[in-house]
Amino acid sequence: MKLVSLKQAQAKLLNAMADERIRALMLATFKKDRSLTLRRTDEGWELEERGFANAVTPLAAGPAGKRAIKEAFKREFPRSNKLYLSESLV
């Protein structure tokens, strides 16, 4: 896990669906009490939220999926400046 800025983490999360090498990407707060995990499945992608909302949501490709990621990002990290980033590659 490495500590990255909020903007860098958000850009990495939004562009992760286009990268074929990424199998899973996790973002966590400094205290690690809230997190978002983007995971590749057989059917596509799923977004797991832990913190304010505890849910696993399948994501559609395109703008609808990116909108769901942005909403979850704002919900889980409203006051964060730095996030821990962990990625799993194929």
PDB file of N, CA and C in Angstrom:
ATOM      1  N   MET A   1       0.838  -1.181   0.000  1.00  0.00           N
ATOM      2  CA  MET A   1       0.000   0.000   0.000  1.00  0.00           C
ATOM      3  C   MET A   1       0.875   1.233   0.000  1.00  0.00           C
ATOM      4  N   LYS A   2       0.508   2.155  -0.836  1.00  0.00           N
ATOM      5  CA  LYS A   2       1.244   3.414  -0.830  1.00  0.00           C
ATOM      6  C   LYS A   2       0.267   4.561  -0.640  1.00  0.00           C
ATOM      7  N   LEU A   3       0.744   5.607  -0.023  1.00  0.00           N
ATOM      8  CA  LEU A   3      -0.053   6.781   0.270  1.00  0.00           C
ATOM      9  C   LEU A   3       0.027   7.739  -0.916  1.00  0.00           C
ATOM     10  N   VAL A   4      -1.131   8.091  -1.488  1.00  0.00           N
ATOM     11  CA  VAL A   4      -1.179   8.972  -2.653  1.00  0.00           C
ATOM     12  C   VAL A   4      -2.175  10.093  -2.389  1.00  0.00           C
ATOM     13  N   SER A   5      -2.110  11.137  -3.203  1.00  0.00           N
ATOM     14  CA  SER A   5      -3.036  12.253  -3.047  1.00  0.00           C
ATOM     15  C   SER A   5      -4.431  11.847  -3.517  1.00  0.00           C
ATOM     16  N   LEU A   6      -5.420  12.601  -3.090  1.00  0.00           N
ATOM     17  CA  LEU A   6      -6.810  12.318  -3.425  1.00  0.00           C
ATOM     18  C   LEU A   6      -7.046  12.366  -4.929  1.00  0.00           C
ATOM     19  N   LYS A   7      -6.528  13.370  -5.594  1.00  0.00           N
ATOM     20  CA  LYS A   7      -6.725  13.522  -7.046  1.00  0.00           C
ATOM     21  C   LYS A   7      -6.087  12.366  -7.814  1.00  0.00           C
ATOM     22  N   GLN A   8      -4.895  11.964  -7.393  1.00  0.00           N
ATOM     23  CA  GLN A   8      -4.212  10.862  -8.060  1.00  0.00           C
ATOM     24  C   GLN A   8      -4.975   9.553  -7.862  1.00  0.00           C
ATOM     25  N   ALA A   9      -5.494   9.342  -6.672  1.00  0.00           N
ATOM     26  CA  ALA A   9      -6.256   8.124  -6.384  1.00  0.00           C
ATOM     27  C   ALA A   9      -7.551   8.081  -7.186  1.00  0.00           C
ATOM     28  N   GLN A  10      -8.221   9.221  -7.299  1.00  0.00           N
ATOM     29  CA  GLN A  10      -9.468   9.258  -8.056  1.00  0.00           C
ATOM     30  C   GLN A  10      -9.215   9.012  -9.539  1.00  0.00           C
ATOM     31  N   ALA A  11      -8.166   9.590 -10.086  1.00  0.00           N
ATOM     32  CA  ALA A  11      -7.832   9.365 -11.489  1.00  0.00           C
ATOM     33  C   ALA A  11      -7.494   7.895 -11.751  1.00  0.00           C
ATOM     34  N   LYS A  12      -6.753   7.284 -10.841  1.00  0.00           N
ATOM     35  CA  LYS A  12      -6.387   5.870 -10.978  1.00  0.00           C
ATOM     36  C   LYS A  12      -7.632   4.985 -10.932  1.00  0.00           C
ATOM     37  N   LEU A  13      -8.558   5.303 -10.028  1.00  0.00           N
ATOM     38  CA  LEU A  13      -9.789   4.524  -9.897  1.00  0.00           C
ATOM     39  C   LEU A  13     -10.670   4.651 -11.137  1.00  0.00           C
ATOM     40  N   LEU A  14     -10.804   5.857 -11.661  1.00  0.00           N
ATOM     41  CA  LEU A  14     -11.657   6.062 -12.830  1.00  0.00           C
ATOM     42  C   LEU A  14     -11.072   5.442 -14.094  1.00  0.00           C
ATOM     43  N   ASN A  15      -9.758   5.362 -14.184  1.00  0.00           N
ATOM     44  CA  ASN A  15      -9.120   4.800 -15.378  1.00  0.00           C
ATOM     45  C   ASN A  15      -8.810   3.313 -15.250  1.00  0.00           C
ATOM     46  N   ALA A  16      -9.094   2.721 -14.107  1.00  0.00           N
ATOM     47  CA  ALA A  16      -8.760   1.316 -13.869  1.00  0.00           C
ATOM     48  C   ALA A  16      -9.557   0.370 -14.754  1.00  0.00           C
ATOM     49  N   MET A  17     -10.777   0.728 -15.106  1.00  0.00           N
ATOM     50  CA  MET A  17     -11.605  -0.159 -15.921  1.00  0.00           C
ATOM     51  C   MET A  17     -11.065  -0.309 -17.339  1.00  0.00           C
ATOM     52  N   ALA A  18     -10.294   0.653 -17.805  1.00  0.00           N
ATOM     53  CA  ALA A  18      -9.738   0.588 -19.155  1.00  0.00           C
ATOM     54  C   ALA A  18      -8.422  -0.184 -19.201  1.00  0.00           C
ATOM     55  N   ASP A  19      -7.782  -0.386 -18.056  1.00  0.00           N
ATOM     56  CA  ASP A  19      -6.497  -1.078 -18.003  1.00  0.00           C
ATOM     57  C   ASP A  19      -6.730  -2.581 -17.886  1.00  0.00           C
ATOM     58  N   GLU A  20      -6.236  -3.337 -18.841  1.00  0.00           N
ATOM     59  CA  GLU A  20      -6.444  -4.786 -18.874  1.00  0.00           C
ATOM     60  C   GLU A  20      -5.641  -5.527 -17.806  1.00  0.00           C
ATOM     61  N   ARG A  21      -4.565  -4.927 -17.296  1.00  0.00           N
ATOM     62  CA  ARG A  21      -3.704  -5.602 -16.329  1.00  0.00           C
ATOM     63  C   ARG A  21      -4.269  -5.610 -14.922  1.00  0.00           C
ATOM     64  N   ILE A  22      -5.115  -4.657 -14.589  1.00  0.00           N
ATOM     65  CA  ILE A  22      -5.617  -4.513 -13.219  1.00  0.00           C
ATOM     66  C   ILE A  22      -6.719  -5.529 -12.943  1.00  0.00           C
ATOM     67  N   ARG A  23      -6.540  -6.306 -11.877  1.00  0.00           N
ATOM     68  CA  ARG A  23      -7.550  -7.264 -11.439  1.00  0.00           C
ATOM     69  C   ARG A  23      -8.383  -6.674 -10.302  1.00  0.00           C
ATOM     70  N   ALA A  24      -7.745  -5.923  -9.405  1.00  0.00           N
ATOM     71  CA  ALA A  24      -8.454  -5.283  -8.293  1.00  0.00           C
ATOM     72  C   ALA A  24      -7.686  -4.036  -7.869  1.00  0.00           C
ATOM     73  N   LEU A  25      -8.422  -3.046  -7.391  1.00  0.00           N
ATOM     74  CA  LEU A  25      -7.838  -1.790  -6.935  1.00  0.00           C
ATOM     75  C   LEU A  25      -8.568  -1.392  -5.659  1.00  0.00           C
ATOM     76  N   MET A  26      -7.813  -1.150  -4.579  1.00  0.00           N
ATOM     77  CA  MET A  26      -8.418  -0.767  -3.313  1.00  0.00           C
ATOM     78  C   MET A  26      -7.894   0.587  -2.864  1.00  0.00           C
ATOM     79  N   LEU A  27      -8.803   1.437  -2.420  1.00  0.00           N
ATOM     80  CA  LEU A  27      -8.466   2.733  -1.836  1.00  0.00           C
ATOM     81  C   LEU A  27      -8.987   2.743  -0.407  1.00  0.00           C
ATOM     82  N   ALA A  28      -8.166   3.206   0.533  1.00  0.00           N
ATOM     83  CA  ALA A  28      -8.561   3.263   1.941  1.00  0.00           C
ATOM     84  C   ALA A  28      -8.124   4.587   2.537  1.00  0.00           C
ATOM     85  N   THR A  29      -8.855   5.044   3.547  1.00  0.00           N
ATOM     86  CA  THR A  29      -8.496   6.272   4.231  1.00  0.00           C
ATOM     87  C   THR A  29      -7.240   6.054   5.060  1.00  0.00           C
ATOM     88  N   PHE A  30      -6.709   7.130   5.612  1.00  0.00           N
ATOM     89  CA  PHE A  30      -5.492   7.039   6.413  1.00  0.00           C
ATOM     90  C   PHE A  30      -5.684   6.113   7.608  1.00  0.00           C
ATOM     91  N   LYS A  31      -6.859   6.182   8.249  1.00  0.00           N
ATOM     92  CA  LYS A  31      -7.145   5.311   9.393  1.00  0.00           C
ATOM     93  C   LYS A  31      -7.622   3.928   8.955  1.00  0.00           C
ATOM     94  N   LYS A  32      -7.852   3.752   7.677  1.00  0.00           N
ATOM     95  CA  LYS A  32      -8.311   2.490   7.084  1.00  0.00           C
ATOM     96  C   LYS A  32      -9.659   2.038   7.625  1.00  0.00           C
ATOM     97  N   ASP A  33     -10.514   3.011   7.988  1.00  0.00           N
ATOM     98  CA  ASP A  33     -11.848   2.651   8.455  1.00  0.00           C
ATOM     99  C   ASP A  33     -12.887   2.729   7.331  1.00  0.00           C
ATOM    100  N   ARG A  34     -12.539   3.349   6.209  1.00  0.00           N
ATOM    101  CA  ARG A  34     -13.425   3.409   5.042  1.00  0.00           C
ATOM    102  C   ARG A  34     -12.617   3.018   3.813  1.00  0.00           C
ATOM    103  N   SER A  35     -13.256   2.281   2.903  1.00  0.00           N
ATOM    104  CA  SER A  35     -12.526   1.868   1.702  1.00  0.00           C
ATOM    105  C   SER A  35     -13.463   1.641   0.527  1.00  0.00           C
ATOM    106  N   LEU A  36     -12.887   1.700  -0.657  1.00  0.00           N
ATOM    107  CA  LEU A  36     -13.542   1.343  -1.921  1.00  0.00           C
ATOM    108  C   LEU A  36     -12.665   0.308  -2.599  1.00  0.00           C
ATOM    109  N   THR A  37     -13.276  -0.756  -3.115  1.00  0.00           N
ATOM    110  CA  THR A  37     -12.543  -1.778  -3.843  1.00  0.00           C
ATOM    111  C   THR A  37     -13.223  -2.003  -5.179  1.00  0.00           C
ATOM    112  N   LEU A  38     -12.477  -1.824  -6.245  1.00  0.00           N
ATOM    113  CA  LEU A  38     -12.952  -2.086  -7.601  1.00  0.00           C
ATOM    114  C   LEU A  38     -12.349  -3.416  -8.023  1.00  0.00           C
ATOM    115  N   ARG A  39     -13.221  -4.396  -8.343  1.00  0.00           N
ATOM    116  CA  ARG A  39     -12.768  -5.750  -8.635  1.00  0.00           C
ATOM    117  C   ARG A  39     -13.299  -6.222  -9.981  1.00  0.00           C
ATOM    118  N   ARG A  40     -12.426  -6.895 -10.744  1.00  0.00           N
ATOM    119  CA  ARG A  40     -12.843  -7.495 -12.020  1.00  0.00           C
ATOM    120  C   ARG A  40     -13.467  -8.859 -11.731  1.00  0.00           C
ATOM    121  N   THR A  41     -14.638  -9.114 -12.306  1.00  0.00           N
ATOM    122  CA  THR A  41     -15.310 -10.398 -12.171  1.00  0.00           C
ATOM    123  C   THR A  41     -15.506 -10.995 -13.564  1.00  0.00           C
ATOM    124  N   ASP A  42     -16.108 -12.175 -13.613  1.00  0.00           N
ATOM    125  CA  ASP A  42     -16.374 -12.813 -14.907  1.00  0.00           C
ATOM    126  C   ASP A  42     -17.385 -12.021 -15.728  1.00  0.00           C
ATOM    127  N   GLU A  43     -18.335 -11.386 -15.062  1.00  0.00           N
ATOM    128  CA  GLU A  43     -19.378 -10.631 -15.753  1.00  0.00           C
ATOM    129  C   GLU A  43     -18.968  -9.201 -16.086  1.00  0.00           C
ATOM    130  N   GLY A  44     -17.936  -8.680 -15.448  1.00  0.00           N
ATOM    131  CA  GLY A  44     -17.520  -7.288 -15.667  1.00  0.00           C
ATOM    132  C   GLY A  44     -16.765  -6.762 -14.462  1.00  0.00           C
ATOM    133  N   TRP A  45     -17.292  -5.689 -13.859  1.00  0.00           N
ATOM    134  CA  TRP A  45     -16.659  -5.057 -12.703  1.00  0.00           C
ATOM    135  C   TRP A  45     -17.658  -4.935 -11.573  1.00  0.00           C
ATOM    136  N   GLU A  46     -17.152  -4.934 -10.343  1.00  0.00           N
ATOM    137  CA  GLU A  46     -17.992  -4.668  -9.178  1.00  0.00           C
ATOM    138  C   GLU A  46     -17.269  -3.702  -8.255  1.00  0.00           C
ATOM    139  N   LEU A  47     -18.048  -2.878  -7.573  1.00  0.00           N
ATOM    140  CA  LEU A  47     -17.518  -1.882  -6.648  1.00  0.00           C
ATOM    141  C   LEU A  47     -18.000  -2.222  -5.251  1.00  0.00           C
ATOM    142  N   GLU A  48     -17.056  -2.410  -4.328  1.00  0.00           N
ATOM    143  CA  GLU A  48     -17.379  -2.738  -2.941  1.00  0.00           C
ATOM    144  C   GLU A  48     -17.069  -1.529  -2.066  1.00  0.00           C
ATOM    145  N   GLU A  49     -18.066  -1.104  -1.296  1.00  0.00           N
ATOM    146  CA  GLU A  49     -17.904   0.024  -0.374  1.00  0.00           C
ATOM    147  C   GLU A  49     -17.902  -0.498   1.054  1.00  0.00           C
ATOM    148  N   ARG A  50     -16.988  -0.002   1.853  1.00  0.00           N
ATOM    149  CA  ARG A  50     -16.931  -0.314   3.282  1.00  0.00           C
ATOM    150  C   ARG A  50     -16.731   1.007   4.020  1.00  0.00           C
ATOM    151  N   GLY A  51     -17.631   1.314   4.932  1.00  0.00           N
ATOM    152  CA  GLY A  51     -17.511   2.555   5.687  1.00  0.00           C
ATOM    153  C   GLY A  51     -18.884   3.134   5.935  1.00  0.00           C
ATOM    154  N   PHE A  52     -19.201   4.256   5.291  1.00  0.00           N
ATOM    155  CA  PHE A  52     -20.511   4.871   5.451  1.00  0.00           C
ATOM    156  C   PHE A  52     -21.596   3.966   4.880  1.00  0.00           C
ATOM    157  N   ALA A  53     -21.349   3.426   3.697  1.00  0.00           N
ATOM    158  CA  ALA A  53     -22.276   2.478   3.070  1.00  0.00           C
ATOM    159  C   ALA A  53     -21.537   1.170   2.875  1.00  0.00           C
ATOM    160  N   ASN A  54     -22.151   0.082   3.269  1.00  0.00           N
ATOM    161  CA  ASN A  54     -21.560  -1.238   3.087  1.00  0.00           C
ATOM    162  C   ASN A  54     -22.356  -1.953   2.006  1.00  0.00           C
ATOM    163  N   ALA A  55     -21.794  -1.974   0.789  1.00  0.00           N
ATOM    164  CA  ALA A  55     -22.519  -2.559  -0.335  1.00  0.00           C
ATOM    165  C   ALA A  55     -21.543  -3.046  -1.397  1.00  0.00           C
ATOM    166  N   VAL A  56     -22.020  -4.002  -2.183  1.00  0.00           N
ATOM    167  CA  VAL A  56     -21.286  -4.471  -3.356  1.00  0.00           C
ATOM    168  C   VAL A  56     -22.197  -4.226  -4.543  1.00  0.00           C
ATOM    169  N   THR A  57     -21.715  -3.419  -5.515  1.00  0.00           N
ATOM    170  CA  THR A  57     -22.516  -3.018  -6.654  1.00  0.00           C
ATOM    171  C   THR A  57     -21.867  -3.449  -7.952  1.00  0.00           C
ATOM    172  N   PRO A  58     -22.596  -4.159  -8.821  1.00  0.00           N
ATOM    173  CA  PRO A  58     -22.040  -4.437 -10.149  1.00  0.00           C
ATOM    174  C   PRO A  58     -22.037  -3.146 -10.970  1.00  0.00           C
ATOM    175  N   LEU A  59     -20.994  -2.949 -11.766  1.00  0.00           N
ATOM    176  CA  LEU A  59     -20.862  -1.717 -12.540  1.00  0.00           C
ATOM    177  C   LEU A  59     -21.105  -1.964 -14.018  1.00  0.00           C
ATOM    178  N   ALA A  60     -21.802  -1.034 -14.624  1.00  0.00           N
ATOM    179  CA  ALA A  60     -21.990  -1.058 -16.068  1.00  0.00           C
ATOM    180  C   ALA A  60     -20.805  -0.349 -16.717  1.00  0.00           C
ATOM    181  N   ALA A  61     -20.511  -0.709 -17.939  1.00  0.00           N
ATOM    182  CA  ALA A  61     -19.421  -0.047 -18.661  1.00  0.00           C
ATOM    183  C   ALA A  61     -19.878   1.333 -19.123  1.00  0.00           C
ATOM    184  N   GLY A  62     -18.921   2.230 -19.286  1.00  0.00           N
ATOM    185  CA  GLY A  62     -19.214   3.552 -19.819  1.00  0.00           C
ATOM    186  C   GLY A  62     -19.530   4.581 -18.760  1.00  0.00           C
ATOM    187  N   PRO A  63     -20.263   5.624 -19.160  1.00  0.00           N
ATOM    188  CA  PRO A  63     -20.531   6.753 -18.263  1.00  0.00           C
ATOM    189  C   PRO A  63     -21.320   6.388 -17.011  1.00  0.00           C
ATOM    190  N   ALA A  64     -22.210   5.410 -17.100  1.00  0.00           N
ATOM    191  CA  ALA A  64     -22.999   5.026 -15.924  1.00  0.00           C
ATOM    192  C   ALA A  64     -22.100   4.435 -14.835  1.00  0.00           C
ATOM    193  N   GLY A  65     -21.130   3.640 -15.222  1.00  0.00           N
ATOM    194  CA  GLY A  65     -20.196   3.064 -14.262  1.00  0.00           C
ATOM    195  C   GLY A  65     -19.310   4.118 -13.629  1.00  0.00           C
ATOM    196  N   LYS A  66     -18.832   5.049 -14.437  1.00  0.00           N
ATOM    197  CA  LYS A  66     -17.984   6.118 -13.895  1.00  0.00           C
ATOM    198  C   LYS A  66     -18.769   7.011 -12.942  1.00  0.00           C
ATOM    199  N   ARG A  67     -20.032   7.246 -13.236  1.00  0.00           N
ATOM    200  CA  ARG A  67     -20.863   8.065 -12.352  1.00  0.00           C
ATOM    201  C   ARG A  67     -21.043   7.367 -11.009  1.00  0.00           C
ATOM    202  N   ALA A  68     -21.267   6.060 -11.017  1.00  0.00           N
ATOM    203  CA  ALA A  68     -21.414   5.312  -9.767  1.00  0.00           C
ATOM    204  C   ALA A  68     -20.122   5.344  -8.956  1.00  0.00           C
ATOM    205  N   ILE A  69     -18.976   5.274  -9.630  1.00  0.00           N
ATOM    206  CA  ILE A  69     -17.686   5.342  -8.941  1.00  0.00           C
ATOM    207  C   ILE A  69     -17.492   6.716  -8.304  1.00  0.00           C
ATOM    208  N   LYS A  70     -17.819   7.773  -9.027  1.00  0.00           N
ATOM    209  CA  LYS A  70     -17.663   9.130  -8.488  1.00  0.00           C
ATOM    210  C   LYS A  70     -18.564   9.364  -7.279  1.00  0.00           C
ATOM    211  N   GLU A  71     -19.807   8.879  -7.340  1.00  0.00           N
ATOM    212  CA  GLU A  71     -20.728   9.046  -6.213  1.00  0.00           C
ATOM    213  C   GLU A  71     -20.227   8.295  -4.981  1.00  0.00           C
ATOM    214  N   ALA A  72     -19.747   7.071  -5.171  1.00  0.00           N
ATOM    215  CA  ALA A  72     -19.212   6.295  -4.053  1.00  0.00           C
ATOM    216  C   ALA A  72     -17.955   6.957  -3.495  1.00  0.00           C
ATOM    217  N   PHE A  73     -17.128   7.515  -4.372  1.00  0.00           N
ATOM    218  CA  PHE A  73     -15.902   8.189  -3.951  1.00  0.00           C
ATOM    219  C   PHE A  73     -16.232   9.385  -3.065  1.00  0.00           C
ATOM    220  N   LYS A  74     -17.211  10.181  -3.477  1.00  0.00           N
ATOM    221  CA  LYS A  74     -17.605  11.344  -2.678  1.00  0.00           C
ATOM    222  C   LYS A  74     -18.231  10.923  -1.349  1.00  0.00           C
ATOM    223  N   ARG A  75     -18.967   9.824  -1.355  1.00  0.00           N
ATOM    224  CA  ARG A  75     -19.625   9.346  -0.146  1.00  0.00           C
ATOM    225  C   ARG A  75     -18.619   8.794   0.871  1.00  0.00           C
ATOM    226  N   GLU A  76     -17.630   8.054   0.413  1.00  0.00           N
ATOM    227  CA  GLU A  76     -16.684   7.406   1.321  1.00  0.00           C
ATOM    228  C   GLU A  76     -15.520   8.305   1.736  1.00  0.00           C
ATOM    229  N   PHE A  77     -15.120   9.241   0.890  1.00  0.00           N
ATOM    230  CA  PHE A  77     -13.948  10.075   1.186  1.00  0.00           C
ATOM    231  C   PHE A  77     -14.289  11.565   1.113  1.00  0.00           C
ATOM    232  N   PRO A  78     -15.229  12.053   1.933  1.00  0.00           N
ATOM    233  CA  PRO A  78     -15.629  13.458   1.809  1.00  0.00           C
ATOM    234  C   PRO A  78     -14.574  14.458   2.280  1.00  0.00           C
ATOM    235  N   ARG A  79     -13.763  14.108   3.262  1.00  0.00           N
ATOM    236  CA  ARG A  79     -12.788  15.057   3.815  1.00  0.00           C
ATOM    237  C   ARG A  79     -11.357  14.563   3.725  1.00  0.00           C
ATOM    238  N   SER A  80     -11.099  13.544   2.939  1.00  0.00           N
ATOM    239  CA  SER A  80      -9.750  12.972   2.869  1.00  0.00           C
ATOM    240  C   SER A  80      -8.849  13.784   1.942  1.00  0.00           C
ATOM    241  N   ASN A  81      -7.568  13.854   2.296  1.00  0.00           N
ATOM    242  CA  ASN A  81      -6.557  14.491   1.450  1.00  0.00           C
ATOM    243  C   ASN A  81      -5.623  13.459   0.842  1.00  0.00           C
ATOM    244  N   LYS A  82      -5.356  12.401   1.582  1.00  0.00           N
ATOM    245  CA  LYS A  82      -4.467  11.326   1.144  1.00  0.00           C
ATOM    246  C   LYS A  82      -5.174   9.997   1.335  1.00  0.00           C
ATOM    247  N   LEU A  83      -4.914   9.060   0.435  1.00  0.00           N
ATOM    248  CA  LEU A  83      -5.520   7.733   0.503  1.00  0.00           C
ATOM    249  C   LEU A  83      -4.455   6.671   0.285  1.00  0.00           C
ATOM    250  N   TYR A  84      -4.663   5.516   0.877  1.00  0.00           N
ATOM    251  CA  TYR A  84      -3.807   4.374   0.607  1.00  0.00           C
ATOM    252  C   TYR A  84      -4.309   3.676  -0.646  1.00  0.00           C
ATOM    253  N   LEU A  85      -3.395   3.337  -1.531  1.00  0.00           N
ATOM    254  CA  LEU A  85      -3.719   2.687  -2.800  1.00  0.00           C
ATOM    255  C   LEU A  85      -3.045   1.321  -2.836  1.00  0.00           C
ATOM    256  N   SER A  86      -3.835   0.313  -3.142  1.00  0.00           N
ATOM    257  CA  SER A  86      -3.319  -1.035  -3.299  1.00  0.00           C
ATOM    258  C   SER A  86      -3.923  -1.623  -4.561  1.00  0.00           C
ATOM    259  N   GLU A  87      -3.075  -2.159  -5.443  1.00  0.00           N
ATOM    260  CA  GLU A  87      -3.607  -2.739  -6.671  1.00  0.00           C
ATOM    261  C   GLU A  87      -3.081  -4.150  -6.873  1.00  0.00           C
ATOM    262  N   SER A  88      -3.936  -4.957  -7.460  1.00  0.00           N
ATOM    263  CA  SER A  88      -3.590  -6.334  -7.772  1.00  0.00           C
ATOM    264  C   SER A  88      -3.591  -6.471  -9.294  1.00  0.00           C
ATOM    265  N   LEU A  89      -2.461  -6.898  -9.832  1.00  0.00           N
ATOM    266  CA  LEU A  89      -2.326  -7.024 -11.279  1.00  0.00           C
ATOM    267  C   LEU A  89      -2.422  -8.478 -11.706  1.00  0.00           C
ATOM    268  N   VAL A  90      -2.801  -8.660 -12.955  1.00  0.00           N
ATOM    269  CA  VAL A  90      -2.904 -10.011 -13.517  1.00  0.00           C
ATOM    270  C   VAL A  90      -1.532 -10.595 -13.741  1.00  0.00           C
TER     271      VAL A  90
END
